[in-house]
């Protein structure tokens, strides 16, 4: 492995020497260019010079290995982060779609509630008009202010008809039935 690092370093030094000669010398075909090309190759003495210590090559090789490992670790971390981001984006898109669907459902429910409220309001007014002349015991004539109490009393009367069997109450129940028949639901 150290040999491969040394070879790379030697190749780099050779390229530096070649760069030092002008473009004209490299392409002219003259003997000077040939000499410069030969000069680019290092002799054994030059390799052993203090400039190319084995410990420097080994240190560089270790640094390169360390940097390569860090690059691999960063690439792996980036891949994991990108996958997590894709998953988060997918979840966000799904949530946005669900939210939009819920908003549309809520709007539809609001519209239905408004329609039902209008219908209830109309029925309440029709009931008030129909029962305006009928007096229930212990209650004022029906109006918007006592409407709920009036309806509760009516509900109680019809669910406990046994309690209202005397002739006076029977007549009241019959009057209520007659008054309510005209209401269109």
N, C-alpha and C. Protein backbone atom coordinates (compact mmCIF):
# COMPACT_ATOMS: atom_id res chain seq x y z
N UNK A 1 0.82 -1.19 0.00
CA UNK A 1 0.00 0.00 0.00
C UNK A 1 0.87 1.25 0.00
N UNK A 2 1.95 1.21 0.77
CA UNK A 2 2.85 2.36 0.83
C UNK A 2 3.48 2.59 -0.54
N UNK A 3 3.71 1.52 -1.31
CA UNK A 3 4.29 1.65 -2.64
C UNK A 3 3.38 2.42 -3.57
N UNK A 4 2.06 2.18 -3.45
CA UNK A 4 1.10 2.89 -4.31
C UNK A 4 1.10 4.37 -3.98
N UNK A 5 1.18 4.71 -2.70
CA UNK A 5 1.22 6.12 -2.29
C UNK A 5 2.48 6.79 -2.79
N UNK A 6 3.59 6.06 -2.72
CA UNK A 6 4.87 6.60 -3.18
C UNK A 6 4.84 6.82 -4.69
N UNK A 7 4.24 5.88 -5.41
CA UNK A 7 4.15 6.01 -6.86
C UNK A 7 3.33 7.24 -7.22
N UNK A 8 2.20 7.46 -6.52
CA UNK A 8 1.38 8.65 -6.78
C UNK A 8 2.17 9.93 -6.53
N UNK A 9 2.91 9.93 -5.43
CA UNK A 9 3.70 11.10 -5.09
C UNK A 9 4.77 11.36 -6.15
N UNK A 10 5.40 10.28 -6.62
CA UNK A 10 6.42 10.42 -7.66
C UNK A 10 5.80 10.93 -8.95
N UNK A 11 4.62 10.43 -9.30
CA UNK A 11 3.93 10.90 -10.50
C UNK A 11 3.62 12.38 -10.38
N UNK A 12 3.18 12.81 -9.20
CA UNK A 12 2.84 14.21 -8.99
C UNK A 12 4.09 15.09 -9.15
N UNK A 13 5.22 14.65 -8.60
CA UNK A 13 6.46 15.42 -8.71
C UNK A 13 6.90 15.49 -10.17
N UNK A 14 6.74 14.39 -10.88
CA UNK A 14 7.11 14.38 -12.31
C UNK A 14 6.27 15.36 -13.09
N UNK A 15 4.97 15.45 -12.79
CA UNK A 15 4.08 16.38 -13.48
C UNK A 15 4.47 17.82 -13.16
N UNK A 16 4.88 18.07 -11.92
CA UNK A 16 5.31 19.41 -11.55
C UNK A 16 6.53 19.82 -12.38
N UNK A 17 7.46 18.89 -12.55
CA UNK A 17 8.65 19.19 -13.35
C UNK A 17 8.28 19.45 -14.79
N UNK A 18 7.33 18.68 -15.31
CA UNK A 18 6.89 18.86 -16.68
C UNK A 18 6.20 20.21 -16.84
N UNK A 19 5.44 20.64 -15.85
CA UNK A 19 4.76 21.92 -15.90
C UNK A 19 5.77 23.06 -15.92
N UNK A 20 6.90 22.84 -15.32
CA UNK A 20 7.94 23.86 -15.26
C UNK A 20 8.48 24.21 -16.64
N UNK A 21 8.51 23.28 -17.55
CA UNK A 21 8.99 23.59 -18.90
C UNK A 21 7.86 24.26 -19.66
N UNK A 22 8.20 25.09 -20.62
CA UNK A 22 7.18 25.85 -21.36
C UNK A 22 6.45 24.93 -22.31
N UNK A 23 5.29 25.40 -22.76
CA UNK A 23 4.48 24.62 -23.70
C UNK A 23 5.24 24.43 -25.01
N UNK A 24 6.04 25.43 -25.39
CA UNK A 24 6.79 25.34 -26.63
C UNK A 24 7.80 24.21 -26.56
N UNK A 25 8.47 24.07 -25.41
CA UNK A 25 9.48 23.01 -25.26
C UNK A 25 8.81 21.64 -25.32
N UNK A 26 7.57 21.52 -24.74
CA UNK A 26 6.91 20.21 -24.70
C UNK A 26 6.42 19.79 -26.08
N UNK A 27 6.10 20.76 -26.92
CA UNK A 27 5.49 20.40 -28.19
C UNK A 27 6.40 20.61 -29.39
N UNK A 28 7.57 21.21 -29.20
CA UNK A 28 8.41 21.57 -30.35
C UNK A 28 9.09 20.38 -30.99
N UNK A 29 9.31 19.32 -30.27
CA UNK A 29 10.02 18.17 -30.83
C UNK A 29 11.52 18.36 -30.82
N UNK A 30 12.02 19.45 -30.26
CA UNK A 30 13.47 19.70 -30.24
C UNK A 30 14.14 18.83 -29.21
N UNK A 31 15.45 18.83 -29.24
CA UNK A 31 16.21 18.05 -28.27
C UNK A 31 16.01 18.60 -26.88
N UNK A 32 15.74 19.92 -26.81
CA UNK A 32 15.48 20.50 -25.48
C UNK A 32 14.22 19.89 -24.89
N UNK A 33 13.20 19.70 -25.74
CA UNK A 33 11.95 19.11 -25.27
C UNK A 33 12.19 17.68 -24.83
N UNK A 34 13.01 16.96 -25.58
CA UNK A 34 13.32 15.58 -25.21
C UNK A 34 14.05 15.55 -23.89
N UNK A 35 14.96 16.49 -23.71
CA UNK A 35 15.70 16.57 -22.46
C UNK A 35 14.75 16.86 -21.31
N UNK A 36 13.79 17.80 -21.54
CA UNK A 36 12.84 18.15 -20.48
C UNK A 36 11.99 16.94 -20.14
N UNK A 37 11.64 16.15 -21.16
CA UNK A 37 10.84 14.93 -20.91
C UNK A 37 11.63 13.94 -20.09
N UNK A 38 12.92 13.78 -20.42
CA UNK A 38 13.74 12.86 -19.65
C UNK A 38 13.97 13.38 -18.26
N UNK A 39 14.04 14.69 -18.14
CA UNK A 39 14.25 15.31 -16.83
C UNK A 39 13.06 15.03 -15.93
N UNK A 40 11.88 14.84 -16.51
CA UNK A 40 10.67 14.57 -15.75
C UNK A 40 10.74 13.24 -15.02
N UNK A 41 11.54 12.33 -15.46
CA UNK A 41 11.68 11.04 -14.80
C UNK A 41 12.74 11.19 -13.72
N UNK A 42 12.44 10.72 -12.54
CA UNK A 42 13.37 10.87 -11.42
C UNK A 42 14.31 9.68 -11.34
N UNK A 43 15.54 9.97 -11.04
CA UNK A 43 16.52 8.90 -10.87
C UNK A 43 16.41 8.34 -9.47
N UNK A 44 17.04 7.25 -9.22
CA UNK A 44 17.02 6.62 -7.90
C UNK A 44 17.61 7.52 -6.84
N UNK A 45 18.65 8.30 -7.19
CA UNK A 45 19.26 9.21 -6.21
C UNK A 45 18.28 10.30 -5.80
N UNK A 46 17.53 10.81 -6.80
CA UNK A 46 16.57 11.87 -6.49
C UNK A 46 15.46 11.36 -5.58
N UNK A 47 15.04 10.11 -5.77
CA UNK A 47 13.97 9.53 -4.95
C UNK A 47 14.44 9.42 -3.51
N UNK A 48 15.72 9.14 -3.30
CA UNK A 48 16.22 8.95 -1.95
C UNK A 48 16.65 10.26 -1.30
N UNK A 49 16.53 11.36 -2.02
CA UNK A 49 16.94 12.65 -1.46
C UNK A 49 16.03 13.00 -0.29
N UNK A 50 16.46 13.92 0.55
CA UNK A 50 15.67 14.30 1.72
C UNK A 50 14.27 14.77 1.35
N UNK A 51 14.09 15.23 0.11
CA UNK A 51 12.78 15.71 -0.31
C UNK A 51 11.74 14.59 -0.27
N UNK A 52 12.12 13.35 -0.49
CA UNK A 52 11.21 12.21 -0.56
C UNK A 52 11.50 11.22 0.55
N UNK A 53 11.24 11.59 1.77
CA UNK A 53 11.44 10.67 2.88
C UNK A 53 10.28 9.68 2.94
N UNK A 54 10.58 8.45 3.30
CA UNK A 54 9.55 7.42 3.41
C UNK A 54 8.53 7.78 4.47
N UNK A 55 8.98 8.37 5.55
CA UNK A 55 8.05 8.73 6.63
C UNK A 55 7.05 9.77 6.16
N UNK A 56 7.49 10.72 5.28
CA UNK A 56 6.56 11.71 4.73
C UNK A 56 5.51 11.03 3.87
N UNK A 57 5.95 10.08 3.05
CA UNK A 57 5.02 9.36 2.18
C UNK A 57 4.03 8.58 3.03
N UNK A 58 4.52 7.91 4.08
CA UNK A 58 3.63 7.15 4.95
C UNK A 58 2.66 8.06 5.68
N UNK A 59 3.13 9.22 6.14
CA UNK A 59 2.24 10.16 6.82
C UNK A 59 1.17 10.65 5.85
N UNK A 60 1.61 10.99 4.62
CA UNK A 60 0.65 11.43 3.62
C UNK A 60 -0.35 10.33 3.29
N UNK A 61 0.12 9.11 3.21
CA UNK A 61 -0.73 7.97 2.91
C UNK A 61 -1.76 7.78 4.03
N UNK A 62 -1.33 7.91 5.28
CA UNK A 62 -2.24 7.78 6.42
C UNK A 62 -3.25 8.92 6.43
N UNK A 63 -2.77 10.13 6.12
CA UNK A 63 -3.69 11.27 6.07
C UNK A 63 -4.72 11.08 4.97
N UNK A 64 -4.27 10.57 3.85
CA UNK A 64 -5.19 10.31 2.73
C UNK A 64 -6.22 9.26 3.13
N UNK A 65 -5.75 8.19 3.80
CA UNK A 65 -6.68 7.15 4.26
C UNK A 65 -7.69 7.73 5.23
N UNK A 66 -7.20 8.57 6.16
CA UNK A 66 -8.08 9.19 7.14
C UNK A 66 -9.10 10.11 6.45
N UNK A 67 -8.63 10.90 5.51
CA UNK A 67 -9.53 11.80 4.78
C UNK A 67 -10.55 11.01 3.97
N UNK A 68 -10.09 9.93 3.34
CA UNK A 68 -11.02 9.09 2.57
C UNK A 68 -12.09 8.49 3.49
N UNK A 69 -11.69 8.07 4.68
CA UNK A 69 -12.66 7.51 5.63
C UNK A 69 -13.66 8.58 6.06
N UNK A 70 -13.13 9.78 6.32
CA UNK A 70 -14.03 10.88 6.70
C UNK A 70 -15.00 11.20 5.57
N UNK A 71 -14.53 11.16 4.35
CA UNK A 71 -15.40 11.41 3.20
C UNK A 71 -16.48 10.33 3.11
N UNK A 72 -16.07 9.07 3.30
CA UNK A 72 -17.06 7.97 3.27
C UNK A 72 -18.08 8.15 4.39
N UNK A 73 -17.61 8.52 5.60
CA UNK A 73 -18.52 8.73 6.72
C UNK A 73 -19.49 9.88 6.43
N UNK A 74 -18.97 10.96 5.86
CA UNK A 74 -19.84 12.11 5.52
C UNK A 74 -20.84 11.74 4.44
N UNK A 75 -20.39 10.99 3.44
CA UNK A 75 -21.30 10.55 2.38
C UNK A 75 -22.42 9.67 2.95
N UNK A 76 -22.04 8.76 3.85
CA UNK A 76 -23.03 7.89 4.48
C UNK A 76 -24.01 8.71 5.32
N UNK A 77 -23.47 9.64 6.09
CA UNK A 77 -24.32 10.51 6.91
C UNK A 77 -25.26 11.34 6.03
N UNK A 78 -24.72 11.88 4.93
CA UNK A 78 -25.54 12.66 4.00
C UNK A 78 -26.64 11.80 3.39
N UNK A 79 -26.31 10.58 3.03
CA UNK A 79 -27.31 9.67 2.46
C UNK A 79 -28.42 9.40 3.47
N UNK A 80 -28.04 9.18 4.73
CA UNK A 80 -29.04 8.94 5.76
C UNK A 80 -29.92 10.17 5.96
N UNK A 81 -29.28 11.35 5.97
CA UNK A 81 -30.04 12.59 6.15
C UNK A 81 -30.98 12.81 4.96
N UNK A 82 -30.50 12.55 3.77
CA UNK A 82 -31.35 12.73 2.58
C UNK A 82 -32.53 11.78 2.63
N UNK A 83 -32.30 10.54 3.04
CA UNK A 83 -33.40 9.57 3.16
C UNK A 83 -34.40 10.03 4.22
N UNK A 84 -33.89 10.54 5.33
CA UNK A 84 -34.78 11.05 6.39
C UNK A 84 -35.57 12.25 5.87
N UNK A 85 -34.93 13.12 5.10
CA UNK A 85 -35.62 14.29 4.56
C UNK A 85 -36.71 13.87 3.57
N UNK A 86 -36.42 12.88 2.75
CA UNK A 86 -37.42 12.38 1.80
C UNK A 86 -38.62 11.82 2.57
N UNK A 87 -38.33 11.06 3.62
CA UNK A 87 -39.41 10.49 4.44
C UNK A 87 -40.22 11.60 5.12
N UNK A 88 -39.54 12.60 5.67
CA UNK A 88 -40.24 13.72 6.30
C UNK A 88 -41.09 14.47 5.28
N UNK A 89 -40.55 14.69 4.10
CA UNK A 89 -41.31 15.40 3.06
C UNK A 89 -42.55 14.60 2.68
N UNK A 90 -42.40 13.29 2.62
CA UNK A 90 -43.54 12.43 2.31
C UNK A 90 -44.60 12.53 3.41
N UNK A 91 -44.16 12.52 4.67
CA UNK A 91 -45.10 12.64 5.78
C UNK A 91 -45.77 14.01 5.77
N UNK A 92 -45.02 15.06 5.48
CA UNK A 92 -45.59 16.41 5.42
C UNK A 92 -46.63 16.49 4.30
N UNK A 93 -46.31 15.93 3.15
CA UNK A 93 -47.26 15.93 2.04
C UNK A 93 -48.53 15.19 2.41
N UNK A 94 -48.38 14.06 3.06
CA UNK A 94 -49.53 13.28 3.50
C UNK A 94 -50.37 14.06 4.50
N UNK A 95 -49.70 14.72 5.45
CA UNK A 95 -50.42 15.52 6.44
C UNK A 95 -51.16 16.69 5.79
N UNK A 96 -50.49 17.34 4.84
CA UNK A 96 -51.12 18.45 4.14
C UNK A 96 -52.36 17.98 3.38
N UNK A 97 -52.25 16.81 2.75
CA UNK A 97 -53.39 16.25 2.01
C UNK A 97 -54.53 15.93 2.97
N UNK A 98 -54.21 15.32 4.12
CA UNK A 98 -55.23 15.01 5.11
C UNK A 98 -55.87 16.28 5.65
N UNK A 99 -55.05 17.29 5.91
CA UNK A 99 -55.57 18.56 6.43
C UNK A 99 -56.52 19.20 5.43
N UNK A 100 -56.15 19.19 4.17
CA UNK A 100 -57.01 19.76 3.13
C UNK A 100 -58.34 19.00 3.07
N UNK A 101 -58.27 17.69 3.17
CA UNK A 101 -59.49 16.86 3.16
C UNK A 101 -60.37 17.18 4.36
N UNK A 102 -59.75 17.33 5.53
CA UNK A 102 -60.50 17.65 6.75
C UNK A 102 -61.13 19.04 6.62
N UNK A 103 -60.38 19.99 6.07
CA UNK A 103 -60.92 21.35 5.88
C UNK A 103 -62.13 21.32 4.95
N UNK A 104 -62.04 20.54 3.88
CA UNK A 104 -63.17 20.43 2.95
C UNK A 104 -64.38 19.79 3.64
N UNK A 105 -64.14 18.75 4.45
CA UNK A 105 -65.23 18.11 5.19
C UNK A 105 -65.86 19.09 6.18
N UNK A 106 -65.01 19.85 6.88
CA UNK A 106 -65.53 20.84 7.83
C UNK A 106 -66.36 21.90 7.14
N UNK A 107 -65.93 22.33 5.97
CA UNK A 107 -66.69 23.33 5.23
C UNK A 107 -68.06 22.76 4.84
N UNK A 108 -68.07 21.53 4.40
CA UNK A 108 -69.33 20.88 4.03
C UNK A 108 -70.24 20.74 5.25
N UNK A 109 -69.66 20.36 6.39
CA UNK A 109 -70.45 20.23 7.62
C UNK A 109 -71.01 21.58 8.04
N UNK A 110 -70.19 22.64 7.92
CA UNK A 110 -70.65 23.99 8.26
C UNK A 110 -71.84 24.38 7.38
N UNK A 111 -71.73 24.09 6.09
CA UNK A 111 -72.83 24.41 5.17
C UNK A 111 -74.08 23.63 5.54
N UNK A 112 -73.91 22.35 5.89
CA UNK A 112 -75.06 21.54 6.29
C UNK A 112 -75.65 22.05 7.60
N UNK A 113 -74.79 22.45 8.55
CA UNK A 113 -75.28 22.99 9.82
C UNK A 113 -76.07 24.28 9.59
N UNK A 114 -75.57 25.13 8.70
CA UNK A 114 -76.30 26.37 8.40
C UNK A 114 -77.67 26.06 7.83
N UNK A 115 -77.71 25.09 6.90
CA UNK A 115 -78.99 24.72 6.29
C UNK A 115 -79.94 24.15 7.35
N UNK A 116 -79.40 23.29 8.24
CA UNK A 116 -80.24 22.72 9.31
C UNK A 116 -80.71 23.79 10.28
N UNK A 117 -79.83 24.74 10.59
CA UNK A 117 -80.21 25.83 11.50
C UNK A 117 -81.34 26.67 10.90
N UNK A 118 -81.22 26.95 9.60
CA UNK A 118 -82.28 27.70 8.93
C UNK A 118 -83.60 26.92 8.94
N UNK A 119 -83.50 25.62 8.71
CA UNK A 119 -84.70 24.77 8.73
C UNK A 119 -85.30 24.73 10.13
N UNK A 120 -84.43 24.58 11.14
CA UNK A 120 -84.92 24.57 12.53
C UNK A 120 -85.57 25.90 12.89
N UNK A 121 -84.96 26.97 12.47
CA UNK A 121 -85.51 28.29 12.75
C UNK A 121 -86.90 28.43 12.12
N UNK A 122 -87.02 27.96 10.88
CA UNK A 122 -88.33 28.00 10.20
C UNK A 122 -89.36 27.15 10.91
N UNK A 123 -88.95 25.94 11.35
CA UNK A 123 -89.88 25.06 12.07
C UNK A 123 -90.27 25.65 13.42
N UNK A 124 -89.31 26.26 14.09
CA UNK A 124 -89.61 26.90 15.38
C UNK A 124 -90.65 28.00 15.21
N UNK A 125 -90.46 28.82 14.19
CA UNK A 125 -91.42 29.90 13.93
C UNK A 125 -92.80 29.33 13.58
N UNK A 126 -92.81 28.26 12.78
CA UNK A 126 -94.10 27.63 12.41
C UNK A 126 -94.78 27.06 13.65
N UNK A 127 -94.01 26.45 14.55
CA UNK A 127 -94.58 25.88 15.77
C UNK A 127 -95.11 26.98 16.69
N UNK A 128 -94.36 28.04 16.80
CA UNK A 128 -94.79 29.17 17.64
C UNK A 128 -96.11 29.73 17.10
N UNK A 129 -96.21 29.89 15.79
CA UNK A 129 -97.45 30.42 15.19
C UNK A 129 -98.61 29.44 15.38
N UNK A 130 -98.35 28.15 15.22
CA UNK A 130 -99.41 27.16 15.34
C UNK A 130 -99.93 27.03 16.77
N UNK A 131 -99.04 27.17 17.73
CA UNK A 131 -99.43 26.98 19.14
C UNK A 131 -99.68 28.30 19.87
N UNK A 132 -99.72 29.40 19.17
CA UNK A 132 -99.87 30.71 19.80
C UNK A 132 -101.15 30.81 20.62
N UNK A 133 -102.22 30.14 20.21
CA UNK A 133 -103.50 30.23 20.90
C UNK A 133 -103.71 29.13 21.92
N UNK A 134 -102.74 28.24 22.08
CA UNK A 134 -102.89 27.13 23.02
C UNK A 134 -102.05 27.44 24.25
N UNK A 135 -102.73 27.37 25.42
CA UNK A 135 -102.05 27.64 26.69
C UNK A 135 -101.79 26.32 27.40
N UNK A 136 -100.54 26.13 27.77
CA UNK A 136 -100.19 24.97 28.59
C UNK A 136 -100.25 25.39 30.05
N UNK A 137 -100.58 24.41 30.92
CA UNK A 137 -100.64 24.76 32.34
C UNK A 137 -99.29 25.27 32.84
N UNK A 138 -99.32 26.30 33.64
CA UNK A 138 -98.15 26.88 34.28
C UNK A 138 -97.16 27.54 33.32
N UNK A 139 -97.58 27.83 32.07
CA UNK A 139 -96.68 28.49 31.11
C UNK A 139 -97.41 29.66 30.45
N UNK A 140 -96.63 30.65 30.11
CA UNK A 140 -97.14 31.77 29.32
C UNK A 140 -97.38 31.26 27.91
N UNK A 141 -98.09 32.04 27.09
CA UNK A 141 -98.23 31.61 25.68
C UNK A 141 -96.84 31.46 25.04
N UNK A 142 -96.76 30.57 24.09
CA UNK A 142 -95.47 30.26 23.46
C UNK A 142 -94.91 31.49 22.73
N UNK A 143 -93.60 31.69 22.89
CA UNK A 143 -92.86 32.75 22.19
C UNK A 143 -91.40 32.31 22.09
N UNK A 144 -90.59 33.12 21.45
CA UNK A 144 -89.18 32.74 21.28
C UNK A 144 -88.46 32.61 22.61
N UNK A 145 -88.80 33.43 23.60
CA UNK A 145 -88.11 33.42 24.88
C UNK A 145 -88.41 32.15 25.69
N UNK A 146 -89.61 31.60 25.61
CA UNK A 146 -89.93 30.40 26.39
C UNK A 146 -90.10 29.16 25.50
N UNK A 147 -89.61 29.27 24.29
CA UNK A 147 -89.79 28.18 23.32
C UNK A 147 -89.26 26.84 23.86
N UNK A 148 -88.04 26.83 24.39
CA UNK A 148 -87.43 25.57 24.86
C UNK A 148 -88.24 24.97 26.01
N UNK A 149 -88.68 25.79 26.94
CA UNK A 149 -89.49 25.29 28.07
C UNK A 149 -90.83 24.75 27.56
N UNK A 150 -91.42 25.43 26.61
CA UNK A 150 -92.69 25.00 26.03
C UNK A 150 -92.53 23.64 25.35
N UNK A 151 -91.47 23.48 24.55
CA UNK A 151 -91.23 22.20 23.84
C UNK A 151 -90.95 21.09 24.85
N UNK A 152 -90.22 21.39 25.93
CA UNK A 152 -89.95 20.37 26.96
C UNK A 152 -91.25 19.92 27.61
N UNK A 153 -92.13 20.85 27.89
CA UNK A 153 -93.42 20.51 28.50
C UNK A 153 -94.25 19.66 27.54
N UNK A 154 -94.25 20.03 26.27
CA UNK A 154 -94.98 19.23 25.27
C UNK A 154 -94.40 17.81 25.18
N UNK A 155 -93.11 17.72 25.16
CA UNK A 155 -92.45 16.41 25.08
C UNK A 155 -92.85 15.56 26.28
N UNK A 156 -92.85 16.17 27.47
CA UNK A 156 -93.23 15.46 28.68
C UNK A 156 -94.68 15.00 28.61
N UNK A 157 -95.54 15.86 28.09
CA UNK A 157 -96.96 15.51 27.99
C UNK A 157 -97.17 14.32 27.08
N UNK A 158 -96.50 14.29 25.96
CA UNK A 158 -96.69 13.20 25.01
C UNK A 158 -95.99 11.92 25.43
N UNK A 159 -94.94 12.03 26.20
CA UNK A 159 -94.29 10.79 26.64
C UNK A 159 -94.97 10.23 27.87
N UNK A 160 -95.69 11.02 28.63
CA UNK A 160 -96.41 10.54 29.82
C UNK A 160 -97.91 10.79 29.65
N UNK A 161 -98.47 10.27 28.60
CA UNK A 161 -99.88 10.53 28.32
C UNK A 161 -100.80 10.00 29.42
N UNK A 162 -100.34 9.01 30.15
CA UNK A 162 -101.17 8.46 31.23
C UNK A 162 -101.47 9.54 32.28
N UNK A 163 -100.52 10.43 32.51
CA UNK A 163 -100.70 11.49 33.50
C UNK A 163 -101.72 12.52 33.03
N UNK A 164 -101.90 12.61 31.74
CA UNK A 164 -102.79 13.64 31.18
C UNK A 164 -104.08 13.02 30.63
N UNK A 165 -104.64 12.05 31.35
CA UNK A 165 -105.84 11.36 30.89
C UNK A 165 -107.15 12.06 31.30
N UNK A 166 -107.10 13.03 32.15
CA UNK A 166 -108.36 13.69 32.52
C UNK A 166 -108.92 14.44 31.31
N UNK A 167 -110.23 14.68 31.29
CA UNK A 167 -110.87 15.26 30.10
C UNK A 167 -110.30 16.62 29.70
N UNK A 168 -109.87 17.45 30.64
CA UNK A 168 -109.32 18.77 30.30
C UNK A 168 -108.01 18.61 29.54
N UNK A 169 -107.14 17.72 30.04
CA UNK A 169 -105.84 17.49 29.38
C UNK A 169 -106.01 16.79 28.04
N UNK A 170 -107.04 15.88 27.95
CA UNK A 170 -107.28 15.22 26.67
C UNK A 170 -107.64 16.25 25.61
N UNK A 171 -108.44 17.19 25.96
CA UNK A 171 -108.84 18.25 25.03
C UNK A 171 -107.62 19.09 24.62
N UNK A 172 -106.72 19.37 25.59
CA UNK A 172 -105.50 20.13 25.32
C UNK A 172 -104.59 19.37 24.35
N UNK A 173 -104.42 18.07 24.60
CA UNK A 173 -103.58 17.24 23.72
C UNK A 173 -104.17 17.19 22.31
N UNK A 174 -105.50 17.09 22.23
CA UNK A 174 -106.13 17.05 20.92
C UNK A 174 -105.96 18.39 20.19
N UNK A 175 -106.05 19.49 20.92
CA UNK A 175 -105.86 20.81 20.31
C UNK A 175 -104.42 20.95 19.79
N UNK A 176 -103.48 20.46 20.57
CA UNK A 176 -102.07 20.52 20.16
C UNK A 176 -101.86 19.69 18.90
N UNK A 177 -102.41 18.50 18.86
CA UNK A 177 -102.28 17.64 17.67
C UNK A 177 -102.84 18.34 16.45
N UNK A 178 -103.98 18.94 16.61
CA UNK A 178 -104.60 19.65 15.47
C UNK A 178 -103.73 20.82 15.01
N UNK A 179 -103.17 21.54 15.95
CA UNK A 179 -102.34 22.72 15.61
C UNK A 179 -101.04 22.32 14.92
N UNK A 180 -100.46 21.21 15.33
CA UNK A 180 -99.17 20.77 14.81
C UNK A 180 -99.30 20.10 13.44
N UNK A 181 -100.47 19.55 13.14
CA UNK A 181 -100.65 18.83 11.86
C UNK A 181 -100.33 19.71 10.65
N UNK A 182 -100.55 20.96 10.75
CA UNK A 182 -100.35 21.85 9.61
C UNK A 182 -98.88 22.20 9.35
N UNK A 183 -98.01 21.83 10.24
CA UNK A 183 -96.58 22.17 10.07
C UNK A 183 -95.94 21.19 9.10
N UNK A 184 -95.33 21.74 8.06
CA UNK A 184 -94.62 20.90 7.07
C UNK A 184 -93.17 20.73 7.51
N UNK A 185 -92.75 19.49 7.63
CA UNK A 185 -91.38 19.19 8.05
C UNK A 185 -90.56 18.79 6.84
